[in-house]
């Protein structure tokens, strides 16, 4: 499973859309049997605040640096699949 990118237009930022997209992606991946997800980004602090764990820096073909993160798709104690609602369009 690969998601090419997650982007929220500037006028819609800080309204919870990015967090909802991340949460929905984690839920979908967990339901499909994936135990963890990885992502790469140039952003600082956003993913840490959402519970992602920093692994290391990576570099692309142009020698640009980015951060690599991981997060478990496992459902935390006390949260059931029935209570987790998918993102609505």
PDB file of N, CA and C in Angstrom:
ATOM      1  N   UNK A   1       0.851  -1.174   0.000  1.00  0.00           N
ATOM      2  CA  UNK A   1       0.000   0.000   0.000  1.00  0.00           C
ATOM      3  C   UNK A   1       0.888   1.225   0.000  1.00  0.00           C
ATOM      4  N   UNK A   2       0.636   2.147  -0.909  1.00  0.00           N
ATOM      5  CA  UNK A   2       1.431   3.362  -0.981  1.00  0.00           C
ATOM      6  C   UNK A   2       0.513   4.543  -1.232  1.00  0.00           C
ATOM      7  N   UNK A   3       0.688   5.572  -0.428  1.00  0.00           N
ATOM      8  CA  UNK A   3      -0.016   6.828  -0.650  1.00  0.00           C
ATOM      9  C   UNK A   3       1.007   7.801  -1.190  1.00  0.00           C
ATOM     10  N   UNK A   4       0.735   8.380  -2.328  1.00  0.00           N
ATOM     11  CA  UNK A   4       1.717   9.234  -2.983  1.00  0.00           C
ATOM     12  C   UNK A   4       1.977  10.515  -2.203  1.00  0.00           C
ATOM     13  N   UNK A   5       0.945  11.177  -1.738  1.00  0.00           N
ATOM     14  CA  UNK A   5       1.171  12.385  -0.949  1.00  0.00           C
ATOM     15  C   UNK A   5      -0.105  12.775  -0.208  1.00  0.00           C
ATOM     16  N   UNK A   6       0.102  13.548   0.814  1.00  0.00           N
ATOM     17  CA  UNK A   6      -1.009  14.097   1.581  1.00  0.00           C
ATOM     18  C   UNK A   6      -0.807  15.606   1.561  1.00  0.00           C
ATOM     19  N   UNK A   7      -1.803  16.332   1.082  1.00  0.00           N
ATOM     20  CA  UNK A   7      -1.675  17.779   0.966  1.00  0.00           C
ATOM     21  C   UNK A   7      -2.997  18.428   1.336  1.00  0.00           C
ATOM     22  N   UNK A   8      -2.907  19.482   2.139  1.00  0.00           N
ATOM     23  CA  UNK A   8      -4.083  20.272   2.498  1.00  0.00           C
ATOM     24  C   UNK A   8      -3.808  21.704   2.028  1.00  0.00           C
ATOM     25  N   UNK A   9      -4.706  22.246   1.235  1.00  0.00           N
ATOM     26  CA  UNK A   9      -4.547  23.622   0.762  1.00  0.00           C
ATOM     27  C   UNK A   9      -4.408  24.580   1.932  1.00  0.00           C
ATOM     28  N   UNK A  10      -3.569  25.599   1.784  1.00  0.00           N
ATOM     29  CA  UNK A  10      -3.326  26.534   2.887  1.00  0.00           C
ATOM     30  C   UNK A  10      -4.588  27.114   3.515  1.00  0.00           C
ATOM     31  N   UNK A  11      -5.593  27.402   2.723  1.00  0.00           N
ATOM     32  CA  UNK A  11      -6.821  28.002   3.286  1.00  0.00           C
ATOM     33  C   UNK A  11      -7.629  27.023   4.143  1.00  0.00           C
ATOM     34  N   UNK A  12      -7.298  25.738   4.073  1.00  0.00           N
ATOM     35  CA  UNK A  12      -8.008  24.727   4.864  1.00  0.00           C
ATOM     36  C   UNK A  12      -7.150  24.122   5.976  1.00  0.00           C
ATOM     37  N   UNK A  13      -5.966  24.658   6.171  1.00  0.00           N
ATOM     38  CA  UNK A  13      -5.075  24.137   7.214  1.00  0.00           C
ATOM     39  C   UNK A  13      -5.537  24.589   8.597  1.00  0.00           C
ATOM     40  N   UNK A  14      -5.082  23.850   9.609  1.00  0.00           N
ATOM     41  CA  UNK A  14      -5.431  24.109  11.018  1.00  0.00           C
ATOM     42  C   UNK A  14      -6.914  23.937  11.297  1.00  0.00           C
ATOM     43  N   UNK A  15      -7.565  23.089  10.511  1.00  0.00           N
ATOM     44  CA  UNK A  15      -8.985  22.788  10.702  1.00  0.00           C
ATOM     45  C   UNK A  15      -9.212  21.296  10.943  1.00  0.00           C
ATOM     46  N   UNK A  16      -8.117  20.525  11.042  1.00  0.00           N
ATOM     47  CA  UNK A  16      -8.231  19.106  11.339  1.00  0.00           C
ATOM     48  C   UNK A  16      -8.287  18.187  10.128  1.00  0.00           C
ATOM     49  N   UNK A  17      -8.213  18.741   8.916  1.00  0.00           N
ATOM     50  CA  UNK A  17      -8.299  17.901   7.720  1.00  0.00           C
ATOM     51  C   UNK A  17      -7.099  16.968   7.572  1.00  0.00           C
ATOM     52  N   UNK A  18      -5.895  17.488   7.790  1.00  0.00           N
ATOM     53  CA  UNK A  18      -4.695  16.655   7.683  1.00  0.00           C
ATOM     54  C   UNK A  18      -4.715  15.523   8.695  1.00  0.00           C
ATOM     55  N   UNK A  19      -5.102  15.851   9.923  1.00  0.00           N
ATOM     56  CA  UNK A  19      -5.183  14.833  10.969  1.00  0.00           C
ATOM     57  C   UNK A  19      -6.225  13.771  10.616  1.00  0.00           C
ATOM     58  N   UNK A  20      -7.361  14.196  10.064  1.00  0.00           N
ATOM     59  CA  UNK A  20      -8.408  13.248   9.665  1.00  0.00           C
ATOM     60  C   UNK A  20      -7.919  12.334   8.536  1.00  0.00           C
ATOM     61  N   UNK A  21      -7.178  12.886   7.591  1.00  0.00           N
ATOM     62  CA  UNK A  21      -6.638  12.069   6.502  1.00  0.00           C
ATOM     63  C   UNK A  21      -5.639  11.045   7.026  1.00  0.00           C
ATOM     64  N   UNK A  22      -4.774  11.469   7.938  1.00  0.00           N
ATOM     65  CA  UNK A  22      -3.812  10.535   8.546  1.00  0.00           C
ATOM     66  C   UNK A  22      -4.522   9.426   9.310  1.00  0.00           C
ATOM     67  N   UNK A  23      -5.501   9.815  10.125  1.00  0.00           N
ATOM     68  CA  UNK A  23      -6.250   8.845  10.935  1.00  0.00           C
ATOM     69  C   UNK A  23      -6.961   7.836  10.036  1.00  0.00           C
ATOM     70  N   UNK A  24      -7.574   8.318   8.975  1.00  0.00           N
ATOM     71  CA  UNK A  24      -8.289   7.431   8.054  1.00  0.00           C
ATOM     72  C   UNK A  24      -7.313   6.486   7.352  1.00  0.00           C
ATOM     73  N   UNK A  25      -6.142   6.994   6.948  1.00  0.00           N
ATOM     74  CA  UNK A  25      -5.139   6.150   6.309  1.00  0.00           C
ATOM     75  C   UNK A  25      -4.644   5.056   7.236  1.00  0.00           C
ATOM     76  N   UNK A  26      -4.415   5.405   8.504  1.00  0.00           N
ATOM     77  CA  UNK A  26      -3.993   4.403   9.484  1.00  0.00           C
ATOM     78  C   UNK A  26      -5.067   3.344   9.689  1.00  0.00           C
ATOM     79  N   UNK A  27      -6.311   3.781   9.767  1.00  0.00           N
ATOM     80  CA  UNK A  27      -7.416   2.847   9.958  1.00  0.00           C
ATOM     81  C   UNK A  27      -7.541   1.900   8.765  1.00  0.00           C
ATOM     82  N   UNK A  28      -7.499   2.448   7.552  1.00  0.00           N
ATOM     83  CA  UNK A  28      -7.609   1.618   6.346  1.00  0.00           C
ATOM     84  C   UNK A  28      -6.458   0.624   6.254  1.00  0.00           C
ATOM     85  N   UNK A  29      -5.240   1.087   6.541  1.00  0.00           N
ATOM     86  CA  UNK A  29      -4.076   0.193   6.477  1.00  0.00           C
ATOM     87  C   UNK A  29      -4.200  -0.925   7.505  1.00  0.00           C
ATOM     88  N   UNK A  30      -4.642  -0.592   8.718  1.00  0.00           N
ATOM     89  CA  UNK A  30      -4.829  -1.598   9.760  1.00  0.00           C
ATOM     90  C   UNK A  30      -5.862  -2.640   9.357  1.00  0.00           C
ATOM     91  N   UNK A  31      -6.960  -2.186   8.743  1.00  0.00           N
ATOM     92  CA  UNK A  31      -8.002  -3.106   8.307  1.00  0.00           C
ATOM     93  C   UNK A  31      -7.510  -4.025   7.184  1.00  0.00           C
ATOM     94  N   UNK A  32      -6.524  -3.583   6.430  1.00  0.00           N
ATOM     95  CA  UNK A  32      -5.972  -4.396   5.342  1.00  0.00           C
ATOM     96  C   UNK A  32      -4.824  -5.285   5.810  1.00  0.00           C
ATOM     97  N   UNK A  33      -4.527  -5.233   7.108  1.00  0.00           N
ATOM     98  CA  UNK A  33      -3.526  -6.130   7.665  1.00  0.00           C
ATOM     99  C   UNK A  33      -2.132  -5.553   7.830  1.00  0.00           C
ATOM    100  N   UNK A  34      -1.930  -4.288   7.489  1.00  0.00           N
ATOM    101  CA  UNK A  34      -0.618  -3.674   7.680  1.00  0.00           C
ATOM    102  C   UNK A  34      -0.425  -3.362   9.160  1.00  0.00           C
ATOM    103  N   UNK A  35       0.742  -3.668   9.676  1.00  0.00           N
ATOM    104  CA  UNK A  35       1.041  -3.457  11.102  1.00  0.00           C
ATOM    105  C   UNK A  35       1.567  -2.053  11.381  1.00  0.00           C
ATOM    106  N   UNK A  36       2.225  -1.454  10.397  1.00  0.00           N
ATOM    107  CA  UNK A  36       2.779  -0.114  10.593  1.00  0.00           C
ATOM    108  C   UNK A  36       2.867   0.603   9.252  1.00  0.00           C
ATOM    109  N   UNK A  37       2.916   1.923   9.326  1.00  0.00           N
ATOM    110  CA  UNK A  37       3.094   2.747   8.128  1.00  0.00           C
ATOM    111  C   UNK A  37       4.350   3.580   8.277  1.00  0.00           C
ATOM    112  N   UNK A  38       4.967   3.889   7.162  1.00  0.00           N
ATOM    113  CA  UNK A  38       6.143   4.748   7.115  1.00  0.00           C
ATOM    114  C   UNK A  38       5.816   5.949   6.244  1.00  0.00           C
ATOM    115  N   UNK A  39       6.442   7.080   6.551  1.00  0.00           N
ATOM    116  CA  UNK A  39       6.277   8.242   5.695  1.00  0.00           C
ATOM    117  C   UNK A  39       7.560   9.043   5.662  1.00  0.00           C
ATOM    118  N   UNK A  40       7.705   9.830   4.611  1.00  0.00           N
ATOM    119  CA  UNK A  40       8.841  10.742   4.510  1.00  0.00           C
ATOM    120  C   UNK A  40       8.289  12.138   4.278  1.00  0.00           C
ATOM    121  N   UNK A  41       8.944  13.129   4.876  1.00  0.00           N
ATOM    122  CA  UNK A  41       8.457  14.496   4.805  1.00  0.00           C
ATOM    123  C   UNK A  41       9.577  15.478   5.074  1.00  0.00           C
ATOM    124  N   UNK A  42       9.354  16.698   4.656  1.00  0.00           N
ATOM    125  CA  UNK A  42      10.246  17.794   4.978  1.00  0.00           C
ATOM    126  C   UNK A  42       9.716  18.630   6.126  1.00  0.00           C
ATOM    127  N   UNK A  43       8.487  18.318   6.593  1.00  0.00           N
ATOM    128  CA  UNK A  43       7.879  19.091   7.691  1.00  0.00           C
ATOM    129  C   UNK A  43       8.519  18.751   9.025  1.00  0.00           C
ATOM    130  N   UNK A  44       8.568  19.730   9.894  1.00  0.00           N
ATOM    131  CA  UNK A  44       9.052  19.544  11.261  1.00  0.00           C
ATOM    132  C   UNK A  44       7.886  19.633  12.231  1.00  0.00           C
ATOM    133  N   UNK A  45       7.881  18.777  13.217  1.00  0.00           N
ATOM    134  CA  UNK A  45       6.967  18.813  14.364  1.00  0.00           C
ATOM    135  C   UNK A  45       5.547  18.300  14.115  1.00  0.00           C
ATOM    136  N   UNK A  46       4.982  18.414  12.919  1.00  0.00           N
ATOM    137  CA  UNK A  46       3.588  18.018  12.698  1.00  0.00           C
ATOM    138  C   UNK A  46       3.376  16.543  13.028  1.00  0.00           C
ATOM    139  N   UNK A  47       4.186  15.680  12.450  1.00  0.00           N
ATOM    140  CA  UNK A  47       3.973  14.246  12.628  1.00  0.00           C
ATOM    141  C   UNK A  47       4.331  13.777  14.035  1.00  0.00           C
ATOM    142  N   UNK A  48       5.301  14.415  14.657  1.00  0.00           N
ATOM    143  CA  UNK A  48       5.628  14.092  16.050  1.00  0.00           C
ATOM    144  C   UNK A  48       4.423  14.363  16.942  1.00  0.00           C
ATOM    145  N   UNK A  49       3.745  15.484  16.705  1.00  0.00           N
ATOM    146  CA  UNK A  49       2.558  15.839  17.507  1.00  0.00           C
ATOM    147  C   UNK A  49       1.414  14.858  17.287  1.00  0.00           C
ATOM    148  N   UNK A  50       1.425  14.152  16.168  1.00  0.00           N
ATOM    149  CA  UNK A  50       0.364  13.193  15.850  1.00  0.00           C
ATOM    150  C   UNK A  50       0.755  11.765  16.223  1.00  0.00           C
ATOM    151  N   UNK A  51       1.875  11.612  16.950  1.00  0.00           N
ATOM    152  CA  UNK A  51       2.253  10.301  17.459  1.00  0.00           C
ATOM    153  C   UNK A  51       3.158   9.474  16.574  1.00  0.00           C
ATOM    154  N   UNK A  52       3.675  10.048  15.492  1.00  0.00           N
ATOM    155  CA  UNK A  52       4.607   9.330  14.629  1.00  0.00           C
ATOM    156  C   UNK A  52       5.991   9.359  15.266  1.00  0.00           C
ATOM    157  N   UNK A  53       6.771   8.301  15.056  1.00  0.00           N
ATOM    158  CA  UNK A  53       8.109   8.191  15.612  1.00  0.00           C
ATOM    159  C   UNK A  53       9.148   8.452  14.526  1.00  0.00           C
ATOM    160  N   UNK A  54      10.040   9.400  14.797  1.00  0.00           N
ATOM    161  CA  UNK A  54      11.122   9.719  13.864  1.00  0.00           C
ATOM    162  C   UNK A  54      12.105   8.554  13.823  1.00  0.00           C
ATOM    163  N   UNK A  55      12.479   8.111  12.611  1.00  0.00           N
ATOM    164  CA  UNK A  55      13.446   7.030  12.447  1.00  0.00           C
ATOM    165  C   UNK A  55      14.822   7.553  12.055  1.00  0.00           C
ATOM    166  N   UNK A  56      14.866   8.343  10.978  1.00  0.00           N
ATOM    167  CA  UNK A  56      16.148   8.832  10.469  1.00  0.00           C
ATOM    168  C   UNK A  56      15.896   9.841   9.356  1.00  0.00           C
ATOM    169  N   UNK A  57      16.979  10.423   8.855  1.00  0.00           N
ATOM    170  CA  UNK A  57      16.896  11.277   7.679  1.00  0.00           C
ATOM    171  C   UNK A  57      17.160  10.435   6.440  1.00  0.00           C
ATOM    172  N   UNK A  58      16.544  10.839   5.349  1.00  0.00           N
ATOM    173  CA  UNK A  58      16.791  10.222   4.059  1.00  0.00           C
ATOM    174  C   UNK A  58      17.184  11.309   3.078  1.00  0.00           C
ATOM    175  N   UNK A  59      17.621  10.906   1.884  1.00  0.00           N
ATOM    176  CA  UNK A  59      18.024  11.855   0.855  1.00  0.00           C
ATOM    177  C   UNK A  59      17.498  11.384  -0.487  1.00  0.00           C
ATOM    178  N   UNK A  60      17.063  12.335  -1.329  1.00  0.00           N
ATOM    179  CA  UNK A  60      16.585  11.972  -2.656  1.00  0.00           C
ATOM    180  C   UNK A  60      17.717  12.113  -3.679  1.00  0.00           C
ATOM    181  N   UNK A  61      17.393  11.956  -4.959  1.00  0.00           N
ATOM    182  CA  UNK A  61      18.398  12.008  -6.018  1.00  0.00           C
ATOM    183  C   UNK A  61      19.075  13.373  -6.131  1.00  0.00           C
ATOM    184  N   UNK A  62      18.408  14.410  -5.640  1.00  0.00           N
ATOM    185  CA  UNK A  62      18.955  15.762  -5.708  1.00  0.00           C
ATOM    186  C   UNK A  62      19.690  16.138  -4.428  1.00  0.00           C
ATOM    187  N   UNK A  63      19.875  15.138  -3.549  1.00  0.00           N
ATOM    188  CA  UNK A  63      20.567  15.311  -2.268  1.00  0.00           C
ATOM    189  C   UNK A  63      19.776  16.183  -1.288  1.00  0.00           C
ATOM    190  N   UNK A  64      18.456  16.284  -1.503  1.00  0.00           N
ATOM    191  CA  UNK A  64      17.590  16.985  -0.556  1.00  0.00           C
ATOM    192  C   UNK A  64      17.308  16.061   0.620  1.00  0.00           C
ATOM    193  N   UNK A  65      17.357  16.596   1.826  1.00  0.00           N
ATOM    194  CA  UNK A  65      17.123  15.812   3.042  1.00  0.00           C
ATOM    195  C   UNK A  65      15.640  15.783   3.389  1.00  0.00           C
ATOM    196  N   UNK A  66      15.165  14.669   3.928  1.00  0.00           N
ATOM    197  CA  UNK A  66      13.809  14.557   4.447  1.00  0.00           C
ATOM    198  C   UNK A  66      13.830  13.630   5.648  1.00  0.00           C
ATOM    199  N   UNK A  67      12.792  13.700   6.463  1.00  0.00           N
ATOM    200  CA  UNK A  67      12.676  12.855   7.649  1.00  0.00           C
ATOM    201  C   UNK A  67      11.833  11.635   7.338  1.00  0.00           C
ATOM    202  N   UNK A  68      12.167  10.515   7.959  1.00  0.00           N
ATOM    203  CA  UNK A  68      11.397   9.279   7.802  1.00  0.00           C
ATOM    204  C   UNK A  68      10.795   8.922   9.162  1.00  0.00           C
ATOM    205  N   UNK A  69       9.486   8.638   9.167  1.00  0.00           N
ATOM    206  CA  UNK A  69       8.734   8.331  10.382  1.00  0.00           C
ATOM    207  C   UNK A  69       8.037   6.987  10.251  1.00  0.00           C
ATOM    208  N   UNK A  70       7.629   6.428  11.391  1.00  0.00           N
ATOM    209  CA  UNK A  70       6.864   5.187  11.435  1.00  0.00           C
ATOM    210  C   UNK A  70       5.761   5.341  12.476  1.00  0.00           C
ATOM    211  N   UNK A  71       4.637   4.652  12.231  1.00  0.00           N
ATOM    212  CA  UNK A  71       3.543   4.623  13.209  1.00  0.00           C
ATOM    213  C   UNK A  71       2.820   3.290  13.094  1.00  0.00           C
ATOM    214  N   UNK A  72       2.481   2.716  14.236  1.00  0.00           N
ATOM    215  CA  UNK A  72       1.725   1.468  14.286  1.00  0.00           C
ATOM    216  C   UNK A  72       0.280   1.722  13.865  1.00  0.00           C
ATOM    217  N   UNK A  73      -0.319   0.738  13.204  1.00  0.00           N
ATOM    218  CA  UNK A  73      -1.737   0.833  12.838  1.00  0.00           C
ATOM    219  C   UNK A  73      -2.626   0.152  13.870  1.00  0.00           C
ATOM    220  N   UNK A  74      -2.011  -0.425  14.915  1.00  0.00           N
ATOM    221  CA  UNK A  74      -2.785  -1.159  15.916  1.00  0.00           C
ATOM    222  C   UNK A  74      -3.716  -0.217  16.667  1.00  0.00           C
ATOM    223  N   UNK A  75      -4.898  -0.739  16.974  1.00  0.00           N
ATOM    224  CA  UNK A  75      -5.902   0.031  17.712  1.00  0.00           C
ATOM    225  C   UNK A  75      -5.533   0.018  19.181  1.00  0.00           C
ATOM    226  N   UNK A  76      -5.543   1.189  19.775  1.00  0.00           N
ATOM    227  CA  UNK A  76      -5.204   1.320  21.197  1.00  0.00           C
ATOM    228  C   UNK A  76      -6.294   0.716  22.076  1.00  0.00           C
ATOM    229  N   UNK A  77      -5.933   0.312  23.287  1.00  0.00           N
ATOM    230  CA  UNK A  77      -6.889  -0.261  24.241  1.00  0.00           C
ATOM    231  C   UNK A  77      -8.017   0.726  24.487  1.00  0.00           C
ATOM    232  N   UNK A  78      -9.224   0.222  24.496  1.00  0.00           N
ATOM    233  CA  UNK A  78     -10.389   1.059  24.767  1.00  0.00           C
ATOM    234  C   UNK A  78     -11.010   1.664  23.519  1.00  0.00           C
ATOM    235  N   UNK A  79     -10.352   1.529  22.373  1.00  0.00           N
ATOM    236  CA  UNK A  79     -10.909   2.042  21.124  1.00  0.00           C
ATOM    237  C   UNK A  79     -11.245   0.848  20.248  1.00  0.00           C
ATOM    238  N   UNK A  80     -12.484   0.775  19.826  1.00  0.00           N
ATOM    239  CA  UNK A  80     -12.876  -0.338  18.959  1.00  0.00           C
ATOM    240  C   UNK A  80     -13.030   0.163  17.535  1.00  0.00           C
ATOM    241  N   UNK A  81     -13.004  -0.756  16.597  1.00  0.00           N
ATOM    242  CA  UNK A  81     -13.185  -0.377  15.198  1.00  0.00           C
ATOM    243  C   UNK A  81     -14.538   0.293  14.990  1.00  0.00           C
ATOM    244  N   UNK A  82     -15.541  -0.095  15.765  1.00  0.00           N
ATOM    245  CA  UNK A  82     -16.866   0.491  15.614  1.00  0.00           C
ATOM    246  C   UNK A  82     -16.879   1.975  15.956  1.00  0.00           C
ATOM    247  N   UNK A  83     -16.002   2.402  16.853  1.00  0.00           N
ATOM    248  CA  UNK A  83     -15.978   3.795  17.277  1.00  0.00           C
ATOM    249  C   UNK A  83     -15.127   4.662  16.368  1.00  0.00           C
ATOM    250  N   UNK A  84     -14.316   4.046  15.547  1.00  0.00           N
ATOM    251  CA  UNK A  84     -13.451   4.808  14.631  1.00  0.00           C
ATOM    252  C   UNK A  84     -14.184   4.980  13.322  1.00  0.00           C
ATOM    253  N   UNK A  85     -14.542   6.199  13.011  1.00  0.00           N
ATOM    254  CA  UNK A  85     -15.293   6.470  11.801  1.00  0.00           C
ATOM    255  C   UNK A  85     -14.370   6.861  10.664  1.00  0.00           C
ATOM    256  N   UNK A  86     -14.597   6.357   9.459  1.00  0.00           N
ATOM    257  CA  UNK A  86     -13.768   6.760   8.320  1.00  0.00           C
ATOM    258  C   UNK A  86     -14.042   8.217   7.939  1.00  0.00           C
ATOM    259  N   UNK A  87     -13.096   8.811   7.251  1.00  0.00           N
ATOM    260  CA  UNK A  87     -13.218  10.180   6.787  1.00  0.00           C
ATOM    261  C   UNK A  87     -14.385  10.276   5.820  1.00  0.00           C
ATOM    262  N   UNK A  88     -15.219  11.265   6.011  1.00  0.00           N
ATOM    263  CA  UNK A  88     -16.363  11.489   5.137  1.00  0.00           C
ATOM    264  C   UNK A  88     -16.025  12.546   4.099  1.00  0.00           C
ATOM    265  N   UNK A  89     -16.445  12.325   2.882  1.00  0.00           N
ATOM    266  CA  UNK A  89     -16.174  13.287   1.790  1.00  0.00           C
ATOM    267  C   UNK A  89     -17.091  14.486   1.901  1.00  0.00           C
TER     268      UNK A  89
END
